[in-house]
């Protein structure tokens, strides 16, 4: 997933809390993400299609008086997206910490061996 797709998916997960269908306009998504990215309506359309193809969401485009809206429903993988993201970050953090610990132990062990065999 690209950064923009991740941001849109995070917004959708926060907005669509329950297993209901929500009406969301492309302008709402643009306004929510305007602090980090400038997205056009065409980009949002492409991102929504990509997320649907990756089995995160179901959506249907609905025309209204004020433009068109997305009728968005999260699938199982979409509902667990935030939890999976947190789990992946935690796993990555633990991997980095473990690597730093092993590097430190290896360095100390090397210093001890040098001190023993130097004399």
N, C-alpha and C. Protein backbone atom coordinates (compact mmCIF):
# COMPACT_ATOMS: atom_id res chain seq x y z
N UNK A 1 0.83 -1.19 0.00
CA UNK A 1 0.00 0.00 0.00
C UNK A 1 0.88 1.26 0.00
N UNK A 2 0.43 2.25 -0.70
CA UNK A 2 1.15 3.51 -0.70
C UNK A 2 0.75 4.32 0.54
N UNK A 3 1.47 5.40 0.79
CA UNK A 3 1.17 6.23 1.96
C UNK A 3 -0.23 6.83 1.87
N UNK A 4 -0.60 7.25 0.69
CA UNK A 4 -1.92 7.84 0.52
C UNK A 4 -3.02 6.81 0.77
N UNK A 5 -2.81 5.60 0.28
CA UNK A 5 -3.79 4.54 0.51
C UNK A 5 -3.90 4.21 2.00
N UNK A 6 -2.75 4.20 2.69
CA UNK A 6 -2.78 3.95 4.13
C UNK A 6 -3.53 5.05 4.87
N UNK A 7 -3.32 6.29 4.47
CA UNK A 7 -4.01 7.40 5.13
C UNK A 7 -5.52 7.33 4.90
N UNK A 8 -5.93 7.02 3.68
CA UNK A 8 -7.35 6.89 3.38
C UNK A 8 -7.95 5.72 4.15
N UNK A 9 -7.23 4.61 4.20
CA UNK A 9 -7.74 3.45 4.93
C UNK A 9 -7.86 3.74 6.42
N UNK A 10 -6.90 4.45 6.99
CA UNK A 10 -6.96 4.82 8.40
C UNK A 10 -8.17 5.73 8.65
N UNK A 11 -8.39 6.68 7.75
CA UNK A 11 -9.56 7.56 7.88
C UNK A 11 -10.84 6.76 7.82
N UNK A 12 -10.93 5.83 6.86
CA UNK A 12 -12.14 5.02 6.73
C UNK A 12 -12.37 4.14 7.96
N UNK A 13 -11.30 3.60 8.52
CA UNK A 13 -11.44 2.76 9.71
C UNK A 13 -11.92 3.58 10.91
N UNK A 14 -11.41 4.79 11.03
CA UNK A 14 -11.84 5.65 12.12
C UNK A 14 -13.27 6.14 11.93
N UNK A 15 -13.66 6.34 10.71
CA UNK A 15 -15.00 6.84 10.42
C UNK A 15 -16.04 5.73 10.47
N UNK A 16 -15.71 4.57 9.97
CA UNK A 16 -16.66 3.44 9.90
C UNK A 16 -16.38 2.49 11.07
N UNK A 17 -16.79 2.87 12.25
CA UNK A 17 -16.46 2.10 13.45
C UNK A 17 -17.19 0.76 13.50
N UNK A 18 -18.46 0.74 13.19
CA UNK A 18 -19.24 -0.49 13.31
C UNK A 18 -19.35 -1.18 11.96
N UNK A 19 -20.12 -2.25 11.95
CA UNK A 19 -20.29 -3.02 10.71
C UNK A 19 -21.42 -2.47 9.84
N UNK A 20 -21.60 -1.16 9.87
CA UNK A 20 -22.65 -0.54 9.09
C UNK A 20 -22.08 0.05 7.81
N UNK A 21 -22.98 0.49 6.94
CA UNK A 21 -22.59 1.18 5.73
C UNK A 21 -22.66 2.67 5.98
N UNK A 22 -21.62 3.39 5.59
CA UNK A 22 -21.54 4.82 5.82
C UNK A 22 -21.46 5.57 4.51
N UNK A 23 -22.09 6.74 4.46
CA UNK A 23 -21.98 7.63 3.30
C UNK A 23 -20.84 8.61 3.54
N UNK A 24 -19.87 8.59 2.65
CA UNK A 24 -18.71 9.46 2.77
C UNK A 24 -18.47 10.11 1.42
N UNK A 25 -18.31 11.42 1.43
CA UNK A 25 -18.05 12.12 0.18
C UNK A 25 -16.55 12.22 -0.05
N UNK A 26 -16.12 12.30 -1.29
CA UNK A 26 -14.69 12.48 -1.57
C UNK A 26 -14.14 13.78 -0.96
N UNK A 27 -14.99 14.80 -0.84
CA UNK A 27 -14.55 16.05 -0.24
C UNK A 27 -14.23 15.88 1.24
N UNK A 28 -14.98 15.03 1.94
CA UNK A 28 -14.69 14.75 3.35
C UNK A 28 -13.31 14.12 3.50
N UNK A 29 -13.02 13.18 2.63
CA UNK A 29 -11.72 12.51 2.68
C UNK A 29 -10.61 13.51 2.36
N UNK A 30 -10.84 14.35 1.36
CA UNK A 30 -9.85 15.36 0.99
C UNK A 30 -9.59 16.32 2.14
N UNK A 31 -10.65 16.77 2.82
CA UNK A 31 -10.49 17.69 3.94
C UNK A 31 -9.79 17.03 5.11
N UNK A 32 -10.09 15.77 5.36
CA UNK A 32 -9.47 15.07 6.48
C UNK A 32 -7.98 14.85 6.26
N UNK A 33 -7.57 14.65 5.02
CA UNK A 33 -6.17 14.36 4.71
C UNK A 33 -5.42 15.57 4.18
N UNK A 34 -6.04 16.74 4.19
CA UNK A 34 -5.43 17.92 3.59
C UNK A 34 -4.20 18.42 4.36
N UNK A 35 -4.04 18.01 5.62
CA UNK A 35 -2.88 18.45 6.39
C UNK A 35 -1.59 17.81 5.88
N UNK A 36 -1.69 16.58 5.39
CA UNK A 36 -0.49 15.88 4.93
C UNK A 36 -0.41 15.78 3.41
N UNK A 37 -1.54 15.53 2.76
CA UNK A 37 -1.53 15.31 1.31
C UNK A 37 -2.63 16.13 0.66
N UNK A 38 -2.38 16.51 -0.56
CA UNK A 38 -3.42 17.14 -1.38
C UNK A 38 -3.87 16.08 -2.36
N UNK A 39 -5.12 15.66 -2.22
CA UNK A 39 -5.66 14.61 -3.07
C UNK A 39 -6.77 15.17 -3.95
N UNK A 40 -6.75 14.77 -5.19
CA UNK A 40 -7.85 15.14 -6.08
C UNK A 40 -8.93 14.06 -5.99
N UNK A 41 -10.08 14.38 -6.54
CA UNK A 41 -11.19 13.43 -6.52
C UNK A 41 -10.84 12.19 -7.34
N UNK A 42 -10.10 12.37 -8.42
CA UNK A 42 -9.70 11.23 -9.25
C UNK A 42 -8.77 10.29 -8.48
N UNK A 43 -7.85 10.88 -7.71
CA UNK A 43 -6.95 10.05 -6.91
C UNK A 43 -7.71 9.28 -5.85
N UNK A 44 -8.69 9.92 -5.25
CA UNK A 44 -9.49 9.24 -4.24
C UNK A 44 -10.29 8.11 -4.87
N UNK A 45 -10.82 8.33 -6.07
CA UNK A 45 -11.53 7.27 -6.79
C UNK A 45 -10.61 6.07 -7.03
N UNK A 46 -9.39 6.34 -7.48
CA UNK A 46 -8.42 5.26 -7.73
C UNK A 46 -8.06 4.53 -6.44
N UNK A 47 -7.88 5.28 -5.37
CA UNK A 47 -7.53 4.67 -4.08
C UNK A 47 -8.67 3.79 -3.58
N UNK A 48 -9.90 4.26 -3.72
CA UNK A 48 -11.06 3.47 -3.28
C UNK A 48 -11.17 2.17 -4.08
N UNK A 49 -10.93 2.25 -5.39
CA UNK A 49 -10.97 1.04 -6.22
C UNK A 49 -9.86 0.08 -5.80
N UNK A 50 -8.67 0.62 -5.52
CA UNK A 50 -7.54 -0.22 -5.09
C UNK A 50 -7.86 -0.90 -3.77
N UNK A 51 -8.41 -0.15 -2.82
CA UNK A 51 -8.75 -0.75 -1.52
C UNK A 51 -9.84 -1.81 -1.67
N UNK A 52 -10.76 -1.60 -2.58
CA UNK A 52 -11.78 -2.61 -2.83
C UNK A 52 -11.17 -3.85 -3.47
N UNK A 53 -10.22 -3.67 -4.37
CA UNK A 53 -9.56 -4.80 -5.01
C UNK A 53 -8.69 -5.59 -4.03
N UNK A 54 -8.14 -4.90 -3.03
CA UNK A 54 -7.31 -5.56 -2.03
C UNK A 54 -8.13 -6.15 -0.89
N UNK A 55 -9.46 -6.13 -1.02
CA UNK A 55 -10.38 -6.77 -0.09
C UNK A 55 -10.44 -6.09 1.28
N UNK A 56 -10.26 -4.78 1.32
CA UNK A 56 -10.40 -4.05 2.57
C UNK A 56 -11.81 -3.47 2.73
N UNK A 57 -12.40 -3.01 1.62
CA UNK A 57 -13.70 -2.36 1.69
C UNK A 57 -14.60 -2.83 0.57
N UNK A 58 -15.90 -2.62 0.78
CA UNK A 58 -16.90 -2.68 -0.28
C UNK A 58 -17.43 -1.27 -0.41
N UNK A 59 -17.54 -0.78 -1.62
CA UNK A 59 -18.13 0.54 -1.78
C UNK A 59 -18.91 0.62 -3.08
N UNK A 60 -19.91 1.50 -3.03
CA UNK A 60 -20.74 1.78 -4.18
C UNK A 60 -20.83 3.29 -4.30
N UNK A 61 -20.77 3.79 -5.50
CA UNK A 61 -20.88 5.23 -5.72
C UNK A 61 -22.36 5.58 -5.84
N UNK A 62 -22.78 6.57 -5.06
CA UNK A 62 -24.18 6.98 -5.02
C UNK A 62 -24.27 8.46 -5.37
N UNK A 63 -25.14 8.79 -6.33
CA UNK A 63 -25.33 10.19 -6.70
C UNK A 63 -26.33 10.85 -5.77
N UNK A 64 -26.05 12.09 -5.44
CA UNK A 64 -26.95 12.86 -4.59
C UNK A 64 -27.09 14.27 -5.11
N UNK A 65 -27.83 15.10 -4.38
CA UNK A 65 -28.03 16.49 -4.79
C UNK A 65 -26.73 17.29 -4.72
N UNK A 66 -25.89 16.98 -3.74
CA UNK A 66 -24.65 17.73 -3.52
C UNK A 66 -23.43 17.06 -4.14
N UNK A 67 -23.62 16.21 -5.10
CA UNK A 67 -22.50 15.49 -5.71
C UNK A 67 -22.66 14.00 -5.45
N UNK A 68 -21.58 13.29 -5.56
CA UNK A 68 -21.69 11.85 -5.33
C UNK A 68 -21.00 11.48 -4.02
N UNK A 69 -21.44 10.35 -3.47
CA UNK A 69 -20.95 9.83 -2.20
C UNK A 69 -20.54 8.39 -2.40
N UNK A 70 -19.69 7.93 -1.49
CA UNK A 70 -19.34 6.52 -1.44
C UNK A 70 -20.16 5.88 -0.33
N UNK A 71 -20.79 4.77 -0.62
CA UNK A 71 -21.43 3.94 0.40
C UNK A 71 -20.39 2.90 0.79
N UNK A 72 -19.73 3.10 1.93
CA UNK A 72 -18.57 2.31 2.31
C UNK A 72 -18.94 1.32 3.41
N UNK A 73 -18.51 0.09 3.22
CA UNK A 73 -18.67 -0.95 4.23
C UNK A 73 -17.32 -1.66 4.36
N UNK A 74 -16.81 -1.75 5.58
CA UNK A 74 -15.52 -2.41 5.80
C UNK A 74 -15.68 -3.92 5.79
N UNK A 75 -14.76 -4.60 5.12
CA UNK A 75 -14.71 -6.06 5.18
C UNK A 75 -13.91 -6.47 6.41
N UNK A 76 -13.75 -7.77 6.63
CA UNK A 76 -13.03 -8.24 7.82
C UNK A 76 -11.60 -7.71 7.88
N UNK A 77 -10.90 -7.77 6.77
CA UNK A 77 -9.52 -7.27 6.77
C UNK A 77 -9.49 -5.76 6.97
N UNK A 78 -10.51 -5.06 6.53
CA UNK A 78 -10.60 -3.63 6.75
C UNK A 78 -10.90 -3.29 8.20
N UNK A 79 -11.72 -4.12 8.85
CA UNK A 79 -12.04 -3.89 10.25
C UNK A 79 -10.84 -4.13 11.15
N UNK A 80 -9.98 -5.04 10.76
CA UNK A 80 -8.80 -5.35 11.58
C UNK A 80 -7.56 -4.59 11.12
N UNK A 81 -7.70 -3.64 10.20
CA UNK A 81 -6.55 -2.92 9.64
C UNK A 81 -5.77 -2.17 10.71
N UNK A 82 -6.45 -1.42 11.57
CA UNK A 82 -5.76 -0.63 12.59
C UNK A 82 -5.03 -1.52 13.59
N UNK A 83 -5.66 -2.63 13.97
CA UNK A 83 -5.02 -3.56 14.91
C UNK A 83 -3.80 -4.21 14.27
N UNK A 84 -3.94 -4.59 13.00
CA UNK A 84 -2.80 -5.20 12.30
C UNK A 84 -1.65 -4.21 12.13
N UNK A 85 -1.97 -2.96 11.88
CA UNK A 85 -0.94 -1.93 11.73
C UNK A 85 -0.18 -1.73 13.04
N UNK A 86 -0.92 -1.67 14.15
CA UNK A 86 -0.27 -1.52 15.46
C UNK A 86 0.60 -2.73 15.78
N UNK A 87 0.11 -3.92 15.46
CA UNK A 87 0.86 -5.14 15.71
C UNK A 87 2.14 -5.16 14.90
N UNK A 88 2.07 -4.73 13.64
CA UNK A 88 3.26 -4.70 12.78
C UNK A 88 4.29 -3.69 13.29
N UNK A 89 3.81 -2.53 13.76
CA UNK A 89 4.74 -1.54 14.33
C UNK A 89 5.41 -2.08 15.57
N UNK A 90 4.65 -2.74 16.44
CA UNK A 90 5.21 -3.29 17.67
C UNK A 90 6.23 -4.38 17.35
N UNK A 91 5.92 -5.23 16.39
CA UNK A 91 6.84 -6.29 15.98
C UNK A 91 8.13 -5.69 15.42
N UNK A 92 8.01 -4.65 14.61
CA UNK A 92 9.20 -3.99 14.05
C UNK A 92 10.04 -3.36 15.16
N UNK A 93 9.39 -2.71 16.11
CA UNK A 93 10.10 -2.11 17.23
C UNK A 93 10.84 -3.14 18.06
N UNK A 94 10.20 -4.27 18.30
CA UNK A 94 10.86 -5.34 19.06
C UNK A 94 12.03 -5.92 18.28
N UNK A 95 11.91 -6.01 16.98
CA UNK A 95 13.01 -6.51 16.15
C UNK A 95 14.21 -5.56 16.22
N UNK A 96 13.95 -4.27 16.18
CA UNK A 96 15.03 -3.29 16.28
C UNK A 96 15.69 -3.36 17.65
N UNK A 97 14.88 -3.42 18.71
CA UNK A 97 15.44 -3.51 20.07
C UNK A 97 16.26 -4.78 20.25
N UNK A 98 15.77 -5.89 19.73
CA UNK A 98 16.50 -7.16 19.85
C UNK A 98 17.82 -7.09 19.11
N UNK A 99 17.81 -6.47 17.93
CA UNK A 99 19.05 -6.34 17.15
C UNK A 99 20.06 -5.46 17.88
N UNK A 100 19.58 -4.37 18.48
CA UNK A 100 20.48 -3.50 19.23
C UNK A 100 21.05 -4.22 20.45
N UNK A 101 20.24 -5.00 21.13
CA UNK A 101 20.71 -5.76 22.29
C UNK A 101 21.76 -6.78 21.89
N UNK A 102 21.51 -7.51 20.81
CA UNK A 102 22.48 -8.51 20.36
C UNK A 102 23.78 -7.86 19.89
N UNK A 103 23.70 -6.70 19.26
CA UNK A 103 24.91 -6.00 18.84
C UNK A 103 25.72 -5.55 20.04
N UNK A 104 25.03 -5.07 21.08
CA UNK A 104 25.71 -4.64 22.30
C UNK A 104 26.38 -5.81 23.00
N UNK A 105 25.67 -6.94 23.12
CA UNK A 105 26.24 -8.13 23.75
C UNK A 105 27.44 -8.62 22.96
N UNK A 106 27.34 -8.61 21.64
CA UNK A 106 28.45 -9.05 20.80
C UNK A 106 29.66 -8.13 20.98
N UNK A 107 29.44 -6.83 21.06
CA UNK A 107 30.52 -5.88 21.26
C UNK A 107 31.21 -6.12 22.61
N UNK A 108 30.43 -6.28 23.66
CA UNK A 108 31.00 -6.51 25.00
C UNK A 108 31.76 -7.84 25.03
N UNK A 109 31.19 -8.86 24.42
CA UNK A 109 31.86 -10.16 24.36
C UNK A 109 33.19 -10.06 23.61
N UNK A 110 33.22 -9.28 22.53
CA UNK A 110 34.46 -9.07 21.78
C UNK A 110 35.51 -8.37 22.60
N UNK A 111 35.11 -7.37 23.38
CA UNK A 111 36.05 -6.65 24.24
C UNK A 111 36.62 -7.59 25.31
N UNK A 112 35.78 -8.42 25.87
CA UNK A 112 36.24 -9.37 26.90
C UNK A 112 37.23 -10.36 26.29
N UNK A 113 36.95 -10.89 25.10
CA UNK A 113 37.86 -11.83 24.45
C UNK A 113 39.20 -11.17 24.11
N UNK A 114 39.17 -9.93 23.66
CA UNK A 114 40.42 -9.21 23.38
C UNK A 114 41.24 -9.04 24.64
N UNK A 115 40.60 -8.72 25.73
CA UNK A 115 41.31 -8.53 27.01
C UNK A 115 41.93 -9.84 27.48
N UNK A 116 41.23 -10.94 27.27
CA UNK A 116 41.75 -12.23 27.71
C UNK A 116 42.95 -12.66 26.86
N UNK A 117 42.84 -12.57 25.55
CA UNK A 117 43.89 -13.09 24.67
C UNK A 117 44.99 -12.08 24.37
N UNK A 118 44.85 -10.86 24.79
CA UNK A 118 45.88 -9.85 24.56
C UNK A 118 47.10 -10.07 25.46
N UNK A 119 46.84 -10.49 26.66
CA UNK A 119 47.96 -10.66 27.59
C UNK A 119 48.62 -12.00 27.52
